[in-house]
Protein backbone atom coordinates (compact mmCIF):
# COMPACT_ATOMS: atom_id res chain seq x y z
CA MET A 1 0.00 0.00 0.00
CA ASN A 2 2.90 2.28 0.71
CA LYS A 3 4.24 1.80 -2.81
CA SER A 4 0.91 2.64 -4.40
CA LYS A 5 0.70 5.89 -2.38
CA LYS A 6 4.19 6.87 -3.58
CA LEU A 7 3.18 6.02 -7.15
CA TYR A 8 0.04 8.18 -6.85
CA LYS A 9 2.08 11.04 -5.43
CA LYS A 10 4.59 10.78 -8.30
CA LEU A 11 1.79 10.63 -10.88
CA LEU A 12 0.08 13.62 -9.25
CA ILE A 13 3.34 15.62 -9.26
CA ILE A 14 3.96 14.69 -12.92
CA ALA A 15 0.38 15.64 -13.86
CA ILE A 16 0.70 18.99 -12.08
CA ALA A 17 4.08 19.62 -13.74
CA VAL A 18 2.65 18.84 -17.19
CA TYR A 19 -0.33 21.12 -16.50
CA VAL A 20 1.98 23.95 -15.39
CA VAL A 21 4.21 23.55 -18.46
CA LEU A 22 1.23 23.50 -20.85
CA THR A 23 -0.27 26.53 -19.13
CA LEU A 24 3.03 28.44 -19.41
CA ILE A 25 3.33 27.58 -23.10
CA ASN A 26 -0.25 28.71 -23.73
CA GLN A 27 0.32 31.96 -21.84
CA GLN A 28 3.53 32.64 -23.76
CA ASN A 29 1.65 32.18 -27.05
CA THR A 30 -1.03 34.57 -25.84
CA ILE A 31 1.59 37.14 -24.81
CA ASN A 32 3.29 36.85 -28.21
CA GLN A 33 -0.05 37.42 -29.96
CA TYR A 34 -0.80 40.44 -27.78
CA THR A 35 2.65 41.84 -28.54
CA LYS A 36 2.06 41.51 -32.28
CA ASP A 37 -1.36 43.12 -31.95
CA SER A 38 0.11 45.93 -29.88
CA GLU A 39 2.78 46.63 -32.50
CA LYS A 40 0.15 46.65 -35.25
CA VAL A 41 -2.03 49.08 -33.29
CA ALA A 42 1.00 51.31 -32.60
CA VAL A 43 1.72 51.49 -36.34
CA GLU A 44 -1.93 52.28 -37.10
CA LEU A 45 -1.91 54.96 -34.41
CA GLN A 46 1.17 56.58 -35.94
CA GLU A 47 -0.44 56.54 -39.39
CA GLU A 48 -3.59 58.16 -37.98
CA LYS A 49 -1.52 60.86 -36.26
CA GLU A 50 0.23 61.63 -39.55
CA TYR A 51 -3.14 61.76 -41.32
CA LYS A 52 -4.45 64.11 -38.65
CA GLU A 53 -1.45 66.40 -39.19
CA GLN A 54 -2.09 66.39 -42.93
CA LEU A 55 -5.72 67.32 -42.36
CA ALA A 56 -4.70 70.14 -40.02
CA LYS A 57 -2.33 71.53 -42.67
CA LYS A 58 -5.04 71.26 -45.32
CA LYS A 59 -7.47 73.06 -43.04
CA GLU A 60 -5.00 75.91 -42.64
CA GLU A 61 -4.59 76.07 -46.43
CA ILE A 62 -8.34 76.10 -46.98
CA ASP A 63 -8.77 78.99 -44.56
CA SER A 64 -6.27 81.13 -46.49
CA LEU A 65 -7.43 83.91 -48.79
CA GLU A 66 -5.30 82.59 -51.67
CA PHE A 67 -7.05 79.22 -51.61
CA ILE A 68 -10.48 80.86 -51.55
CA GLU A 69 -9.58 83.07 -54.53
CA GLN A 70 -8.11 80.16 -56.48
CA THR A 71 -11.17 77.99 -55.85
CA ALA A 72 -13.50 80.81 -56.86
CA ARG A 73 -11.57 81.32 -60.09
CA GLU A 74 -11.23 77.64 -61.06
CA LYS A 75 -14.54 76.17 -60.00
CA LEU A 76 -16.96 79.10 -59.98
CA ASP A 77 -15.45 81.24 -62.77
CA MET A 78 -15.45 84.27 -60.48
CA TYR A 79 -12.94 87.08 -60.90
CA LEU A 80 -12.06 90.36 -59.21
CA PRO A 81 -14.06 93.40 -60.41
CA ASN A 82 -11.32 95.15 -62.47
CA GLU A 83 -9.55 91.97 -63.56
CA ARG A 84 -9.12 91.15 -67.23
CA VAL A 85 -9.64 87.58 -68.27
CA TYR A 86 -8.22 86.27 -71.51
CA VAL A 87 -9.73 83.18 -73.07
CA ASP A 88 -7.75 81.17 -75.57
CA ALA A 89 -10.16 80.45 -78.41
CA GLY A 90 -7.72 78.02 -80.01
CA LEU A 91 -8.68 75.25 -77.59
């Protein structure tokens, strides 16, 4: 009976050790996946920050008087009151 108790103890210790090792491996895989996801999100965040900066620059350009005049000339065919406009009839 004493031998069977020792055998059960050894089997229990081995089972616990296997469980711990498998759990550690699973957790390491999860950590690796989270690290990859974190890096991907960091890259996306940087891209979005750059895009935000581009939009801020474009907003500043749109608010300028030169942009408003250029847009009025090109898209609305509007000109200043004493401005002469020459049209090339050869086109």
